Amino acid sequence: MWSTRGLLNFFKLCSLATLLSGCTGIPAGITPVKPFELSRYLGTWYEIARLDHSFERGLSHIKANYALNTDGTVRVINSGLDEKTGEPRQVEGKAKFVRGVDEGYLKVSFYGPFYGSYIVFELDDYQHALVTSYNRDYLWLLARTPAISAEQQEALISKARALGFNTDELIFVDQN
């Protein structure tokens, strides 16, 4: 689903010195969910809103599916529709826990040995989630359903805003 060029641009943002550590770090003031139960997180999540980045630009109906691999890693399939052509796009990757299976702090790779942080920092009974990466330029609001109540959406956005995310720049994903 994500273009190779878009993902390469993501990794270019990390200098060679930080590629091995900085892209898998945690932004200051962000705390991954703990305890985290992978078995409850697995399955399909719909993208409700996100901060803009090149590897999802021009897509609608975005969702992610997480499944356990036999080696203990997590299979990640991100999919969506090209807004111009309506064609489906998909990318498959894998995620690994960084510090322990009871913490919502993983690293994910879609191409080769390069990983980026995947940090679940808000989780409402495994129905709604806020996720970031190695810095506050990345934010995803995810839900188990394609739409959520206005109250729940505002509560999650308020939480992200209080933690320093630029929520005025959120893109709300067409899931209809």
C-alpha atoms as a PDB file:
ATOM      1  CA  MET A   1       0.000   0.000   0.000  1.00  0.00           C
ATOM      2  CA  TRP A   2       2.761   2.444   0.850  1.00  0.00           C
ATOM      3  CA  SER A   3       5.047   3.413  -1.933  1.00  0.00           C
ATOM      4  CA  THR A   4       8.658   2.374  -1.789  1.00  0.00           C
ATOM      5  CA  ARG A   5       9.617   6.012  -2.300  1.00  0.00           C
ATOM      6  CA  GLY A   6       7.408   7.111   0.591  1.00  0.00           C
ATOM      7  CA  LEU A   7       8.903   4.588   2.967  1.00  0.00           C
ATOM      8  CA  LEU A   8      12.396   5.454   1.820  1.00  0.00           C
ATOM      9  CA  ASN A   9      11.644   9.107   2.543  1.00  0.00           C
ATOM     10  CA  PHE A  10      10.603   8.062   6.062  1.00  0.00           C
ATOM     11  CA  PHE A  11      13.936   6.391   6.604  1.00  0.00           C
ATOM     12  CA  LYS A  12      15.856   9.280   5.024  1.00  0.00           C
ATOM     13  CA  LEU A  13      14.473  11.422   7.832  1.00  0.00           C
ATOM     14  CA  CYS A  14      16.691   9.419  10.138  1.00  0.00           C
ATOM     15  CA  SER A  15      20.357  10.079   9.633  1.00  0.00           C
ATOM     16  CA  LEU A  16      22.683   7.106   9.367  1.00  0.00           C
ATOM     17  CA  ALA A  17      23.709   7.666  12.975  1.00  0.00           C
ATOM     18  CA  THR A  18      20.122   7.508  14.211  1.00  0.00           C
ATOM     19  CA  LEU A  19      18.913   4.846  11.810  1.00  0.00           C
ATOM     20  CA  LEU A  20      19.987   2.113  14.182  1.00  0.00           C
ATOM     21  CA  SER A  21      18.542   3.730  17.307  1.00  0.00           C
ATOM     22  CA  GLY A  22      16.707   7.017  16.759  1.00  0.00           C
ATOM     23  CA  CYS A  23      13.954   5.679  14.518  1.00  0.00           C
ATOM     24  CA  THR A  24      13.113   3.097  17.147  1.00  0.00           C
ATOM     25  CA  GLY A  25      13.166   5.495  20.085  1.00  0.00           C
ATOM     26  CA  ILE A  26      10.311   6.999  22.072  1.00  0.00           C
ATOM     27  CA  PRO A  27       9.459  10.709  22.034  1.00  0.00           C
ATOM     28  CA  ALA A  28      10.095  12.446  25.365  1.00  0.00           C
ATOM     29  CA  GLY A  29       6.993  12.430  27.544  1.00  0.00           C
ATOM     30  CA  ILE A  30       5.328   9.522  25.746  1.00  0.00           C
ATOM     31  CA  THR A  31       4.765   6.350  27.764  1.00  0.00           C
ATOM     32  CA  PRO A  32       3.883   3.081  26.007  1.00  0.00           C
ATOM     33  CA  VAL A  33       0.864   1.224  27.382  1.00  0.00           C
ATOM     34  CA  LYS A  34       1.834  -1.246  30.089  1.00  0.00           C
ATOM     35  CA  PRO A  35       0.529  -3.819  30.693  1.00  0.00           C
ATOM     36  CA  PHE A  36      -0.100  -4.522  27.020  1.00  0.00           C
ATOM     37  CA  GLU A  37      -1.848  -7.695  25.863  1.00  0.00           C
ATOM     38  CA  LEU A  38      -0.910  -8.563  22.294  1.00  0.00           C
ATOM     39  CA  SER A  39      -3.646 -11.183  22.044  1.00  0.00           C
ATOM     40  CA  ARG A  40      -6.243  -8.442  22.587  1.00  0.00           C
ATOM     41  CA  TYR A  41      -4.529  -6.048  20.151  1.00  0.00           C
ATOM     42  CA  LEU A  42      -4.349  -8.528  17.262  1.00  0.00           C
ATOM     43  CA  GLY A  43      -6.956  -8.260  14.508  1.00  0.00           C
ATOM     44  CA  THR A  44      -8.200  -5.373  12.421  1.00  0.00           C
ATOM     45  CA  TRP A  45      -7.876  -1.686  13.282  1.00  0.00           C
ATOM     46  CA  TYR A  46      -9.337   1.156  11.171  1.00  0.00           C
ATOM     47  CA  GLU A  47      -7.475   4.413  10.758  1.00  0.00           C
ATOM     48  CA  ILE A  48      -9.749   7.218  11.909  1.00  0.00           C
ATOM     49  CA  ALA A  49      -7.201  10.043  11.686  1.00  0.00           C
ATOM     50  CA  ARG A  50      -3.452  10.601  11.236  1.00  0.00           C
ATOM     51  CA  LEU A  51      -0.827  13.216  10.764  1.00  0.00           C
ATOM     52  CA  ASP A  52       0.208  13.489   7.119  1.00  0.00           C
ATOM     53  CA  HIS A  53       3.146  11.519   5.783  1.00  0.00           C
ATOM     54  CA  SER A  54       4.102  10.436   2.301  1.00  0.00           C
ATOM     55  CA  PHE A  55       3.584   6.704   2.625  1.00  0.00           C
ATOM     56  CA  GLU A  56      -0.199   6.988   3.173  1.00  0.00           C
ATOM     57  CA  ARG A  57      -0.877  10.126   1.164  1.00  0.00           C
ATOM     58  CA  GLY A  58      -3.706   9.730  -1.346  1.00  0.00           C
ATOM     59  CA  LEU A  59      -5.270   6.714   0.379  1.00  0.00           C
ATOM     60  CA  SER A  60      -8.695   6.169   1.905  1.00  0.00           C
ATOM     61  CA  HIS A  61     -10.323   3.224   3.662  1.00  0.00           C
ATOM     62  CA  ILE A  62      -7.087   2.534   5.507  1.00  0.00           C
ATOM     63  CA  LYS A  63      -6.890  -0.338   7.925  1.00  0.00           C
ATOM     64  CA  ALA A  64      -4.255  -2.509   9.516  1.00  0.00           C
ATOM     65  CA  ASN A  65      -4.429  -6.164  10.419  1.00  0.00           C
ATOM     66  CA  TYR A  66      -2.130  -7.662  13.026  1.00  0.00           C
ATOM     67  CA  ALA A  67      -1.571 -11.414  13.397  1.00  0.00           C
ATOM     68  CA  LEU A  68       0.912 -13.481  15.376  1.00  0.00           C
ATOM     69  CA  ASN A  69       3.650 -15.212  13.380  1.00  0.00           C
ATOM     70  CA  THR A  70       4.962 -18.597  14.508  1.00  0.00           C
ATOM     71  CA  ASP A  71       8.310 -17.007  15.451  1.00  0.00           C
ATOM     72  CA  GLY A  72       6.636 -14.605  17.893  1.00  0.00           C
ATOM     73  CA  THR A  73       6.809 -11.557  15.631  1.00  0.00           C
ATOM     74  CA  VAL A  74       3.666  -9.771  14.510  1.00  0.00           C
ATOM     75  CA  ARG A  75       2.556  -9.824  10.882  1.00  0.00           C
ATOM     76  CA  VAL A  76       1.331  -6.388   9.839  1.00  0.00           C
ATOM     77  CA  ILE A  77      -0.791  -5.887   6.741  1.00  0.00           C
ATOM     78  CA  ASN A  78      -1.690  -2.276   5.989  1.00  0.00           C
ATOM     79  CA  SER A  79      -4.235  -1.726   3.255  1.00  0.00           C
ATOM     80  CA  GLY A  80      -6.237   1.062   1.683  1.00  0.00           C
ATOM     81  CA  LEU A  81      -7.711   2.363  -1.534  1.00  0.00           C
ATOM     82  CA  ASP A  82      -6.028   4.792  -3.902  1.00  0.00           C
ATOM     83  CA  GLU A  83      -8.324   7.838  -3.797  1.00  0.00           C
ATOM     84  CA  LYS A  84      -7.836   8.592  -7.502  1.00  0.00           C
ATOM     85  CA  THR A  85      -8.166   5.134  -9.035  1.00  0.00           C
ATOM     86  CA  GLY A  86     -10.030   3.192  -6.359  1.00  0.00           C
ATOM     87  CA  GLU A  87      -7.413   0.462  -6.678  1.00  0.00           C
ATOM     88  CA  PRO A  88      -6.506  -1.446  -3.519  1.00  0.00           C
ATOM     89  CA  ARG A  89      -2.980  -1.022  -2.172  1.00  0.00           C
ATOM     90  CA  GLN A  90      -1.334  -3.154   0.460  1.00  0.00           C
ATOM     91  CA  VAL A  91       1.996  -3.618   2.175  1.00  0.00           C
ATOM     92  CA  GLU A  92       3.088  -6.377   4.529  1.00  0.00           C
ATOM     93  CA  GLY A  93       5.616  -6.034   7.291  1.00  0.00           C
ATOM     94  CA  LYS A  94       6.565  -7.414  10.656  1.00  0.00           C
ATOM     95  CA  ALA A  95       6.811  -6.009  14.136  1.00  0.00           C
ATOM     96  CA  LYS A  96       8.838  -7.033  17.162  1.00  0.00           C
ATOM     97  CA  PHE A  97       8.649  -6.010  20.779  1.00  0.00           C
ATOM     98  CA  VAL A  98      11.478  -3.714  21.836  1.00  0.00           C
ATOM     99  CA  ARG A  99      11.598  -4.193  25.614  1.00  0.00           C
ATOM    100  CA  GLY A 100       9.030  -6.839  26.476  1.00  0.00           C
ATOM    101  CA  VAL A 101       5.769  -8.423  25.351  1.00  0.00           C
ATOM    102  CA  ASP A 102       3.845  -6.643  28.112  1.00  0.00           C
ATOM    103  CA  GLU A 103       4.597  -3.150  26.766  1.00  0.00           C
ATOM    104  CA  GLY A 104       3.028  -1.410  23.746  1.00  0.00           C
ATOM    105  CA  TYR A 105       6.463  -0.535  22.368  1.00  0.00           C
ATOM    106  CA  LEU A 106       7.320  -2.319  19.142  1.00  0.00           C
ATOM    107  CA  LYS A 107       9.449  -1.714  16.101  1.00  0.00           C
ATOM    108  CA  VAL A 108       8.022  -2.366  12.648  1.00  0.00           C
ATOM    109  CA  SER A 109       9.652  -3.011   9.290  1.00  0.00           C
ATOM    110  CA  PHE A 110       8.129  -3.078   5.842  1.00  0.00           C
ATOM    111  CA  TYR A 111      11.349  -3.213   3.858  1.00  0.00           C
ATOM    112  CA  GLY A 112      14.504  -5.042   4.826  1.00  0.00           C
ATOM    113  CA  PRO A 113      16.367  -4.488   8.037  1.00  0.00           C
ATOM    114  CA  PHE A 114      15.084  -0.941   8.643  1.00  0.00           C
ATOM    115  CA  TYR A 115      12.708  -0.481  11.572  1.00  0.00           C
ATOM    116  CA  GLY A 116      10.654   2.383  12.911  1.00  0.00           C
ATOM    117  CA  SER A 117       8.992   2.701  16.295  1.00  0.00           C
ATOM    118  CA  TYR A 118       5.380   1.677  16.774  1.00  0.00           C
ATOM    119  CA  ILE A 119       4.304   2.977  20.168  1.00  0.00           C
ATOM    120  CA  VAL A 120       0.809   2.393  21.518  1.00  0.00           C
ATOM    121  CA  PHE A 121       0.454   5.114  24.156  1.00  0.00           C
ATOM    122  CA  GLU A 122      -3.314   5.193  24.678  1.00  0.00           C
ATOM    123  CA  LEU A 123      -5.596   2.174  24.605  1.00  0.00           C
ATOM    124  CA  ASP A 124      -9.268   2.286  25.527  1.00  0.00           C
ATOM    125  CA  ASP A 125     -10.220  -1.324  26.335  1.00  0.00           C
ATOM    126  CA  TYR A 126      -8.614  -2.400  23.036  1.00  0.00           C
ATOM    127  CA  GLN A 127     -11.318  -0.556  21.083  1.00  0.00           C
ATOM    128  CA  HIS A 128      -9.549   2.767  20.429  1.00  0.00           C
ATOM    129  CA  ALA A 129      -5.834   3.504  20.298  1.00  0.00           C
ATOM    130  CA  LEU A 130      -3.341   6.310  19.847  1.00  0.00           C
ATOM    131  CA  VAL A 131      -0.069   5.298  18.206  1.00  0.00           C
ATOM    132  CA  THR A 132       3.078   7.250  17.401  1.00  0.00           C
ATOM    133  CA  SER A 133       6.565   6.594  16.100  1.00  0.00           C
ATOM    134  CA  TYR A 134      10.002   7.899  17.068  1.00  0.00           C
ATOM    135  CA  ASN A 135       8.842  11.536  17.095  1.00  0.00           C
ATOM    136  CA  ARG A 136       5.647  13.573  17.279  1.00  0.00           C
ATOM    137  CA  ASP A 137       5.453  13.966  13.491  1.00  0.00           C
ATOM    138  CA  TYR A 138       3.643  10.625  13.465  1.00  0.00           C
ATOM    139  CA  LEU A 139       0.242  10.046  15.050  1.00  0.00           C
ATOM    140  CA  TRP A 140      -2.508   7.576  14.300  1.00  0.00           C
ATOM    141  CA  LEU A 141      -5.943   7.401  15.885  1.00  0.00           C
ATOM    142  CA  LEU A 142      -7.168   3.821  15.407  1.00  0.00           C
ATOM    143  CA  ALA A 143     -10.433   2.049  16.194  1.00  0.00           C
ATOM    144  CA  ARG A 144     -11.934  -1.406  15.875  1.00  0.00           C
ATOM    145  CA  THR A 145     -14.777   0.076  13.836  1.00  0.00           C
ATOM    146  CA  PRO A 146     -14.666   2.367  10.775  1.00  0.00           C
ATOM    147  CA  ALA A 147     -16.287   5.201  12.764  1.00  0.00           C
ATOM    148  CA  ILE A 148     -16.317   6.296  16.403  1.00  0.00           C
ATOM    149  CA  SER A 149     -18.459   8.696  18.388  1.00  0.00           C
ATOM    150  CA  ALA A 150     -17.631  12.392  18.294  1.00  0.00           C
ATOM    151  CA  GLU A 151     -17.095  12.282  22.062  1.00  0.00           C
ATOM    152  CA  GLN A 152     -14.571   9.448  21.862  1.00  0.00           C
ATOM    153  CA  GLN A 153     -12.772  11.075  18.947  1.00  0.00           C
ATOM    154  CA  GLU A 154     -12.477  14.390  20.816  1.00  0.00           C
ATOM    155  CA  ALA A 155     -11.240  12.634  23.982  1.00  0.00           C
ATOM    156  CA  LEU A 156      -8.451  10.932  22.015  1.00  0.00           C
ATOM    157  CA  ILE A 157      -7.534  14.102  20.144  1.00  0.00           C
ATOM    158  CA  SER A 158      -7.443  16.046  23.425  1.00  0.00           C
ATOM    159  CA  LYS A 159      -5.101  13.448  24.917  1.00  0.00           C
ATOM    160  CA  ALA A 160      -2.774  13.708  21.898  1.00  0.00           C
ATOM    161  CA  ARG A 161      -2.886  17.522  21.971  1.00  0.00           C
ATOM    162  CA  ALA A 162      -1.990  17.545  25.680  1.00  0.00           C
ATOM    163  CA  LEU A 163       1.055  15.383  24.853  1.00  0.00           C
ATOM    164  CA  GLY A 164       2.328  17.878  22.281  1.00  0.00           C
ATOM    165  CA  PHE A 165       1.007  16.490  18.983  1.00  0.00           C
ATOM    166  CA  ASN A 166      -0.112  19.018  16.356  1.00  0.00           C
ATOM    167  CA  THR A 167      -3.708  17.834  16.230  1.00  0.00           C
ATOM    168  CA  ASP A 168      -4.750  20.820  14.099  1.00  0.00           C
ATOM    169  CA  GLU A 169      -2.993  19.014  11.228  1.00  0.00           C
ATOM    170  CA  LEU A 170      -4.886  15.713  11.584  1.00  0.00           C
ATOM    171  CA  ILE A 171      -6.267  14.138   8.424  1.00  0.00           C
ATOM    172  CA  PHE A 172      -9.556  12.315   8.933  1.00  0.00           C
ATOM    173  CA  VAL A 173      -9.656   9.188   6.824  1.00  0.00           C
ATOM    174  CA  ASP A 174     -12.617   8.420   4.568  1.00  0.00           C
ATOM    175  CA  GLN A 175     -13.911   5.033   5.718  1.00  0.00           C
ATOM    176  CA  ASN A 176     -17.326   5.237   3.963  1.00  0.00           C
END
